[in-house]
C-alpha atoms as a PDB file:
ATOM      1  CA  UNK A   1      -7.530 -26.664  53.439  1.00  0.00           C
ATOM      2  CA  UNK A   2      -8.259 -24.615  56.260  1.00  0.00           C
ATOM      3  CA  UNK A   3      -5.988 -21.566  57.034  1.00  0.00           C
ATOM      4  CA  UNK A   4      -4.703 -21.101  54.001  1.00  0.00           C
ATOM      5  CA  UNK A   5      -5.037 -18.374  52.015  1.00  0.00           C
ATOM      6  CA  UNK A   6      -6.311 -17.881  48.382  1.00  0.00           C
ATOM      7  CA  UNK A   7      -5.607 -15.409  46.117  1.00  0.00           C
ATOM      8  CA  UNK A   8      -7.734 -14.689  42.624  1.00  0.00           C
ATOM      9  CA  UNK A   9      -6.968 -13.389  39.551  1.00  0.00           C
ATOM     10  CA  UNK A  10      -9.072 -13.132  36.626  1.00  0.00           C
ATOM     11  CA  UNK A  11      -7.804 -13.282  32.652  1.00  0.00           C
ATOM     12  CA  UNK A  12      -9.668 -11.487  29.995  1.00  0.00           C
ATOM     13  CA  UNK A  13     -10.450 -13.031  26.779  1.00  0.00           C
ATOM     14  CA  UNK A  14      -8.317 -11.506  25.156  1.00  0.00           C
ATOM     15  CA  UNK A  15      -5.305 -11.830  26.945  1.00  0.00           C
ATOM     16  CA  UNK A  16      -2.617 -14.657  28.298  1.00  0.00           C
ATOM     17  CA  UNK A  17      -1.262 -14.293  31.822  1.00  0.00           C
ATOM     18  CA  UNK A  18       2.408 -15.917  31.712  1.00  0.00           C
ATOM     19  CA  UNK A  19       3.525 -17.002  35.538  1.00  0.00           C
ATOM     20  CA  UNK A  20       7.153 -17.334  36.882  1.00  0.00           C
ATOM     21  CA  UNK A  21       8.285 -18.781  39.901  1.00  0.00           C
ATOM     22  CA  UNK A  22      11.994 -18.943  40.705  1.00  0.00           C
ATOM     23  CA  UNK A  23      12.525 -17.946  37.226  1.00  0.00           C
ATOM     24  CA  UNK A  24      10.878 -20.835  35.578  1.00  0.00           C
ATOM     25  CA  UNK A  25       7.910 -20.910  33.774  1.00  0.00           C
ATOM     26  CA  UNK A  26       5.228 -21.730  35.902  1.00  0.00           C
ATOM     27  CA  UNK A  27       2.222 -22.316  33.454  1.00  0.00           C
ATOM     28  CA  UNK A  28       0.135 -19.772  31.118  1.00  0.00           C
ATOM     29  CA  UNK A  29      -3.407 -19.318  32.222  1.00  0.00           C
ATOM     30  CA  UNK A  30      -6.077 -18.948  29.883  1.00  0.00           C
ATOM     31  CA  UNK A  31      -9.196 -16.402  29.953  1.00  0.00           C
ATOM     32  CA  UNK A  32     -11.276 -16.671  33.242  1.00  0.00           C
ATOM     33  CA  UNK A  33     -10.981 -16.807  37.175  1.00  0.00           C
ATOM     34  CA  UNK A  34      -8.045 -18.656  38.659  1.00  0.00           C
ATOM     35  CA  UNK A  35      -7.157 -19.467  42.140  1.00  0.00           C
ATOM     36  CA  UNK A  36      -4.199 -20.165  44.021  1.00  0.00           C
ATOM     37  CA  UNK A  37      -3.058 -20.825  47.207  1.00  0.00           C
ATOM     38  CA  UNK A  38      -0.707 -18.114  48.850  1.00  0.00           C
ATOM     39  CA  UNK A  39       1.153 -20.289  50.957  1.00  0.00           C
ATOM     40  CA  UNK A  40       2.592 -22.324  47.825  1.00  0.00           C
ATOM     41  CA  UNK A  41       4.733 -18.767  46.991  1.00  0.00           C
ATOM     42  CA  UNK A  42       6.428 -18.787  50.665  1.00  0.00           C
ATOM     43  CA  UNK A  43       9.245 -21.055  49.594  1.00  0.00           C
ATOM     44  CA  UNK A  44      10.116 -18.689  46.551  1.00  0.00           C
ATOM     45  CA  UNK A  45       9.431 -15.807  44.077  1.00  0.00           C
ATOM     46  CA  UNK A  46       7.106 -15.459  41.678  1.00  0.00           C
ATOM     47  CA  UNK A  47       6.709 -13.056  38.915  1.00  0.00           C
ATOM     48  CA  UNK A  48       3.617 -12.754  35.929  1.00  0.00           C
ATOM     49  CA  UNK A  49       3.194 -10.634  33.024  1.00  0.00           C
ATOM     50  CA  UNK A  50      -0.463 -10.005  31.155  1.00  0.00           C
ATOM     51  CA  UNK A  51       0.111 -10.348  27.041  1.00  0.00           C
ATOM     52  CA  UNK A  52      -2.628  -8.853  25.036  1.00  0.00           C
ATOM     53  CA  UNK A  53      -3.606 -10.989  22.204  1.00  0.00           C
ATOM     54  CA  UNK A  54      -5.469  -9.229  20.203  1.00  0.00           C
ATOM     55  CA  UNK A  55      -4.746  -8.427  16.716  1.00  0.00           C
ATOM     56  CA  UNK A  56      -3.406  -4.911  16.350  1.00  0.00           C
ATOM     57  CA  UNK A  57      -1.932  -1.919  13.660  1.00  0.00           C
ATOM     58  CA  UNK A  58       1.634  -1.534  13.660  1.00  0.00           C
ATOM     59  CA  UNK A  59       3.196   1.544  12.185  1.00  0.00           C
ATOM     60  CA  UNK A  60       6.838   2.340  10.909  1.00  0.00           C
ATOM     61  CA  UNK A  61       6.405   5.759  10.379  1.00  0.00           C
ATOM     62  CA  UNK A  62       8.355   6.915   6.926  1.00  0.00           C
ATOM     63  CA  UNK A  63      11.776   6.530   6.141  1.00  0.00           C
ATOM     64  CA  UNK A  64      14.213   8.374   4.728  1.00  0.00           C
ATOM     65  CA  UNK A  65      15.408   6.477   1.514  1.00  0.00           C
ATOM     66  CA  UNK A  66      17.489   6.925  -1.327  1.00  0.00           C
ATOM     67  CA  UNK A  67      16.025   4.935  -4.643  1.00  0.00           C
ATOM     68  CA  UNK A  68      18.517   3.453  -7.126  1.00  0.00           C
ATOM     69  CA  UNK A  69      18.519   7.146  -9.087  1.00  0.00           C
ATOM     70  CA  UNK A  70      20.019   8.483  -6.106  1.00  0.00           C
ATOM     71  CA  UNK A  71      16.789  10.091  -5.576  1.00  0.00           C
ATOM     72  CA  UNK A  72      15.059  10.712  -1.486  1.00  0.00           C
ATOM     73  CA  UNK A  73      11.532   9.443  -0.450  1.00  0.00           C
ATOM     74  CA  UNK A  74       9.974   9.159   2.802  1.00  0.00           C
ATOM     75  CA  UNK A  75       8.022   5.451   2.790  1.00  0.00           C
ATOM     76  CA  UNK A  76       6.026   4.480   5.890  1.00  0.00           C
ATOM     77  CA  UNK A  77       4.709   0.647   6.425  1.00  0.00           C
ATOM     78  CA  UNK A  78       1.660  -0.911   8.303  1.00  0.00           C
ATOM     79  CA  UNK A  79       1.457  -4.199   8.805  1.00  0.00           C
ATOM     80  CA  UNK A  80      -1.431  -5.928  10.740  1.00  0.00           C
ATOM     81  CA  UNK A  81       0.329  -8.313  13.861  1.00  0.00           C
ATOM     82  CA  UNK A  82      -0.799 -10.349  16.972  1.00  0.00           C
ATOM     83  CA  UNK A  83       0.544 -12.567  19.518  1.00  0.00           C
ATOM     84  CA  UNK A  84       0.987 -16.430  18.564  1.00  0.00           C
ATOM     85  CA  UNK A  85       2.539 -17.753  21.603  1.00  0.00           C
ATOM     86  CA  UNK A  86       3.043 -15.370  24.359  1.00  0.00           C
ATOM     87  CA  UNK A  87       6.196 -17.672  26.006  1.00  0.00           C
ATOM     88  CA  UNK A  88       7.912 -16.791  23.107  1.00  0.00           C
ATOM     89  CA  UNK A  89       6.735 -13.339  23.280  1.00  0.00           C
ATOM     90  CA  UNK A  90       7.939 -12.814  27.004  1.00  0.00           C
ATOM     91  CA  UNK A  91      11.275 -14.666  26.471  1.00  0.00           C
ATOM     92  CA  UNK A  92      12.550 -14.179  23.150  1.00  0.00           C
ATOM     93  CA  UNK A  93      13.468 -10.674  23.564  1.00  0.00           C
ATOM     94  CA  UNK A  94      13.260  -7.612  25.736  1.00  0.00           C
ATOM     95  CA  UNK A  95      11.383  -5.643  23.299  1.00  0.00           C
ATOM     96  CA  UNK A  96       9.604  -7.766  20.316  1.00  0.00           C
ATOM     97  CA  UNK A  97       8.574  -4.719  18.879  1.00  0.00           C
ATOM     98  CA  UNK A  98      12.123  -3.542  18.486  1.00  0.00           C
ATOM     99  CA  UNK A  99      13.210  -6.622  16.435  1.00  0.00           C
ATOM    100  CA  UNK A 100       9.661  -6.514  14.048  1.00  0.00           C
ATOM    101  CA  UNK A 101      10.942  -2.233  13.443  1.00  0.00           C
ATOM    102  CA  UNK A 102      14.542  -3.696  12.622  1.00  0.00           C
ATOM    103  CA  UNK A 103      13.276  -6.266  10.484  1.00  0.00           C
ATOM    104  CA  UNK A 104      11.108  -3.742   8.357  1.00  0.00           C
ATOM    105  CA  UNK A 105      13.817  -1.131   8.077  1.00  0.00           C
ATOM    106  CA  UNK A 106      16.317  -2.998   7.006  1.00  0.00           C
ATOM    107  CA  UNK A 107      13.937  -4.885   4.002  1.00  0.00           C
ATOM    108  CA  UNK A 108      12.391  -1.688   2.789  1.00  0.00           C
ATOM    109  CA  UNK A 109      16.329  -0.089   2.691  1.00  0.00           C
ATOM    110  CA  UNK A 110      17.208  -2.553   0.426  1.00  0.00           C
ATOM    111  CA  UNK A 111      14.106  -2.873  -1.682  1.00  0.00           C
ATOM    112  CA  UNK A 112      14.412   0.624  -2.221  1.00  0.00           C
ATOM    113  CA  UNK A 113      17.719   1.120  -2.925  1.00  0.00           C
ATOM    114  CA  UNK A 114      16.704  -1.295  -5.625  1.00  0.00           C
ATOM    115  CA  UNK A 115      14.720   0.565  -7.262  1.00  0.00           C
ATOM    116  CA  UNK A 116      14.289   3.744  -9.326  1.00  0.00           C
ATOM    117  CA  UNK A 117      11.394   6.228  -7.959  1.00  0.00           C
ATOM    118  CA  UNK A 118       8.923   5.282 -10.991  1.00  0.00           C
ATOM    119  CA  UNK A 119       9.768   1.254 -10.163  1.00  0.00           C
ATOM    120  CA  UNK A 120       9.000   2.215  -6.468  1.00  0.00           C
ATOM    121  CA  UNK A 121       5.754   3.750  -7.296  1.00  0.00           C
ATOM    122  CA  UNK A 122       4.648   0.999  -9.688  1.00  0.00           C
ATOM    123  CA  UNK A 123       5.760  -2.298  -8.082  1.00  0.00           C
ATOM    124  CA  UNK A 124       4.156  -1.916  -5.106  1.00  0.00           C
ATOM    125  CA  UNK A 125       2.802  -5.599  -4.558  1.00  0.00           C
ATOM    126  CA  UNK A 126       6.063  -6.658  -5.166  1.00  0.00           C
ATOM    127  CA  UNK A 127       7.781  -3.985  -3.059  1.00  0.00           C
ATOM    128  CA  UNK A 128       5.061  -5.853  -0.153  1.00  0.00           C
ATOM    129  CA  UNK A 129       5.744  -9.202  -1.221  1.00  0.00           C
ATOM    130  CA  UNK A 130       9.510  -8.143  -0.228  1.00  0.00           C
ATOM    131  CA  UNK A 131       8.597  -6.758   3.026  1.00  0.00           C
ATOM    132  CA  UNK A 132       6.150  -9.301   4.117  1.00  0.00           C
ATOM    133  CA  UNK A 133       9.255 -12.210   3.525  1.00  0.00           C
ATOM    134  CA  UNK A 134      11.205 -10.373   5.642  1.00  0.00           C
ATOM    135  CA  UNK A 135       9.268  -9.755   8.359  1.00  0.00           C
ATOM    136  CA  UNK A 136       7.598 -12.919   8.300  1.00  0.00           C
ATOM    137  CA  UNK A 137      10.007 -14.603   9.852  1.00  0.00           C
ATOM    138  CA  UNK A 138      11.659 -12.094  12.389  1.00  0.00           C
ATOM    139  CA  UNK A 139       7.627 -12.304  13.780  1.00  0.00           C
ATOM    140  CA  UNK A 140       7.924 -15.608  14.472  1.00  0.00           C
ATOM    141  CA  UNK A 141      11.324 -15.601  16.557  1.00  0.00           C
ATOM    142  CA  UNK A 142       9.351 -13.432  18.969  1.00  0.00           C
ATOM    143  CA  UNK A 143       6.214 -15.315  18.883  1.00  0.00           C
ATOM    144  CA  UNK A 144       4.256 -13.127  16.680  1.00  0.00           C
ATOM    145  CA  UNK A 145       1.849 -13.325  13.668  1.00  0.00           C
ATOM    146  CA  UNK A 146       2.624 -10.716  10.757  1.00  0.00           C
ATOM    147  CA  UNK A 147      -0.649 -10.695   8.752  1.00  0.00           C
ATOM    148  CA  UNK A 148      -0.549  -7.939   5.573  1.00  0.00           C
ATOM    149  CA  UNK A 149       2.788  -6.237   5.485  1.00  0.00           C
ATOM    150  CA  UNK A 150       2.141  -3.099   3.483  1.00  0.00           C
ATOM    151  CA  UNK A 151       3.891   0.136   2.302  1.00  0.00           C
ATOM    152  CA  UNK A 152       1.495   2.232   3.191  1.00  0.00           C
ATOM    153  CA  UNK A 153       2.791   6.165   1.632  1.00  0.00           C
ATOM    154  CA  UNK A 154       5.672   7.001  -0.451  1.00  0.00           C
ATOM    155  CA  UNK A 155       6.396  10.853  -0.205  1.00  0.00           C
ATOM    156  CA  UNK A 156       8.532  12.892  -2.444  1.00  0.00           C
ATOM    157  CA  UNK A 157       9.821  16.066  -1.696  1.00  0.00           C
ATOM    158  CA  UNK A 158       8.584  19.180  -2.339  1.00  0.00           C
ATOM    159  CA  UNK A 159      10.535  19.760  -5.518  1.00  0.00           C
ATOM    160  CA  UNK A 160      10.232  15.741  -7.157  1.00  0.00           C
ATOM    161  CA  UNK A 161       6.206  16.766  -6.901  1.00  0.00           C
ATOM    162  CA  UNK A 162       6.625  19.705  -8.370  1.00  0.00           C
ATOM    163  CA  UNK A 163       8.510  17.803 -11.198  1.00  0.00           C
ATOM    164  CA  UNK A 164       6.122  15.222 -11.588  1.00  0.00           C
ATOM    165  CA  UNK A 165       3.536  17.590 -11.860  1.00  0.00           C
ATOM    166  CA  UNK A 166       5.205  18.947 -14.998  1.00  0.00           C
ATOM    167  CA  UNK A 167       5.983  15.881 -16.453  1.00  0.00           C
ATOM    168  CA  UNK A 168       2.227  14.562 -15.888  1.00  0.00           C
ATOM    169  CA  UNK A 169       0.877  17.810 -17.419  1.00  0.00           C
ATOM    170  CA  UNK A 170       3.198  17.640 -20.191  1.00  0.00           C
ATOM    171  CA  UNK A 171       2.256  14.258 -20.961  1.00  0.00           C
ATOM    172  CA  UNK A 172      -0.997  15.257 -21.301  1.00  0.00           C
ATOM    173  CA  UNK A 173      -0.401  18.756 -23.271  1.00  0.00           C
ATOM    174  CA  UNK A 174       1.379  16.531 -25.837  1.00  0.00           C
ATOM    175  CA  UNK A 175      -1.751  13.753 -25.884  1.00  0.00           C
ATOM    176  CA  UNK A 176      -3.933  17.039 -26.788  1.00  0.00           C
ATOM    177  CA  UNK A 177      -1.452  18.283 -29.397  1.00  0.00           C
ATOM    178  CA  UNK A 178      -1.083  14.535 -30.903  1.00  0.00           C
ATOM    179  CA  UNK A 179      -5.087  14.046 -30.726  1.00  0.00           C
ATOM    180  CA  UNK A 180      -5.454  17.726 -32.295  1.00  0.00           C
ATOM    181  CA  UNK A 181      -2.911  16.412 -35.480  1.00  0.00           C
ATOM    182  CA  UNK A 182      -4.809  13.483 -36.046  1.00  0.00           C
ATOM    183  CA  UNK A 183      -8.045  15.305 -35.841  1.00  0.00           C
ATOM    184  CA  UNK A 184      -6.561  18.014 -38.674  1.00  0.00           C
ATOM    185  CA  UNK A 185      -4.971  15.106 -40.532  1.00  0.00           C
ATOM    186  CA  UNK A 186      -8.551  13.366 -41.269  1.00  0.00           C
ATOM    187  CA  UNK A 187     -10.058  16.487 -41.671  1.00  0.00           C
ATOM    188  CA  UNK A 188      -7.414  16.985 -44.505  1.00  0.00           C
ATOM    189  CA  UNK A 189      -7.436  13.677 -45.669  1.00  0.00           C
ATOM    190  CA  UNK A 190     -11.382  14.443 -46.428  1.00  0.00           C
ATOM    191  CA  UNK A 191     -11.229  17.105 -48.136  1.00  0.00           C
ATOM    192  CA  UNK A 192      -8.317  15.751 -50.433  1.00  0.00           C
ATOM    193  CA  UNK A 193     -10.899  12.870 -50.846  1.00  0.00           C
ATOM    194  CA  UNK A 194     -13.728  15.107 -51.263  1.00  0.00           C
ATOM    195  CA  UNK A 195     -12.062  17.609 -54.558  1.00  0.00           C
ATOM    196  CA  UNK A 196     -10.603  14.158 -56.033  1.00  0.00           C
ATOM    197  CA  UNK A 197     -14.508  13.090 -56.181  1.00  0.00           C
ATOM    198  CA  UNK A 198     -15.645  15.975 -57.522  1.00  0.00           C
ATOM    199  CA  UNK A 199     -13.384  16.115 -60.311  1.00  0.00           C
ATOM    200  CA  UNK A 200     -13.732  12.249 -61.083  1.00  0.00           C
ATOM    201  CA  UNK A 201     -17.927  13.526 -61.325  1.00  0.00           C
ATOM    202  CA  UNK A 202     -18.571  17.483 -61.570  1.00  0.00           C
ATOM    203  CA  UNK A 203     -22.180  16.809 -61.288  1.00  0.00           C
ATOM    204  CA  UNK A 204     -21.746  15.887 -57.545  1.00  0.00           C
ATOM    205  CA  UNK A 205     -21.268  19.836 -57.169  1.00  0.00           C
ATOM    206  CA  UNK A 206     -24.276  20.883 -58.799  1.00  0.00           C
ATOM    207  CA  UNK A 207     -25.934  17.870 -56.888  1.00  0.00           C
ATOM    208  CA  UNK A 208     -24.421  18.924 -53.128  1.00  0.00           C
ATOM    209  CA  UNK A 209     -25.333  23.058 -54.171  1.00  0.00           C
ATOM    210  CA  UNK A 210     -29.025  22.124 -54.771  1.00  0.00           C
ATOM    211  CA  UNK A 211     -29.380  20.198 -51.549  1.00  0.00           C
ATOM    212  CA  UNK A 212     -27.892  23.362 -49.622  1.00  0.00           C
ATOM    213  CA  UNK A 213     -29.941  25.421 -51.351  1.00  0.00           C
ATOM    214  CA  UNK A 214     -33.026  23.540 -50.285  1.00  0.00           C
ATOM    215  CA  UNK A 215     -31.934  23.771 -46.836  1.00  0.00           C
ATOM    216  CA  UNK A 216     -31.467  27.591 -46.896  1.00  0.00           C
ATOM    217  CA  UNK A 217     -34.585  28.223 -49.012  1.00  0.00           C
ATOM    218  CA  UNK A 218     -32.862  29.992 -51.862  1.00  0.00           C
ATOM    219  CA  UNK A 219     -33.428  29.795 -55.491  1.00  0.00           C
ATOM    220  CA  UNK A 220     -30.318  28.168 -57.373  1.00  0.00           C
ATOM    221  CA  UNK A 221     -30.618  28.760 -61.495  1.00  0.00           C
ATOM    222  CA  UNK A 222     -28.521  25.745 -63.196  1.00  0.00           C
ATOM    223  CA  UNK A 223     -27.607  26.035 -66.833  1.00  0.00           C
ATOM    224  CA  UNK A 224     -26.113  23.624 -69.227  1.00  0.00           C
ATOM    225  CA  UNK A 225     -22.549  23.776 -70.368  1.00  0.00           C
END
């Protein structure tokens, strides 16, 4: 149409352009160059927003939490997320990341409060599964796909770290003492067996003496009884 002004918009490969007219969804523009006449928008108001569809690593910084045995810990979480539905991402919540943050925070508090510190450190896979079960539905409600959801760090206060180090050191010392005691017991059993054998067979002592003399080059004189 002659005399009609035309506007051009370029949508990049990693994004979608969600366009509204008079408060209603008009179109979701795919990647590429799009042209539209400006005159059609003189009869209404247009609003559009670009939505980044690229996967991203979303992190929840360390949360101060109490374990089931009332020990304070700081736990941080990361999740792999990407926008699956750009319209829902724009319309479902003013701040989609805040919705995900709240879901992670609540699930993390419940999971940590149900575990002792030892369980928290040992049951990492189970904890990740619980977080994913809580985050995935919340993400879908705001048009986001959540991939791996995992605990990144479990940080202990300095006092707990020192206590844990002392426990580990004591455990290693106990194992070393146990191994030393086992070695001594084995040596005593060997000596006792040797003593019984020599008592039953005295001639073995003479044979052993001759063998030792041969190694050292000494002369041994054996006298009959």
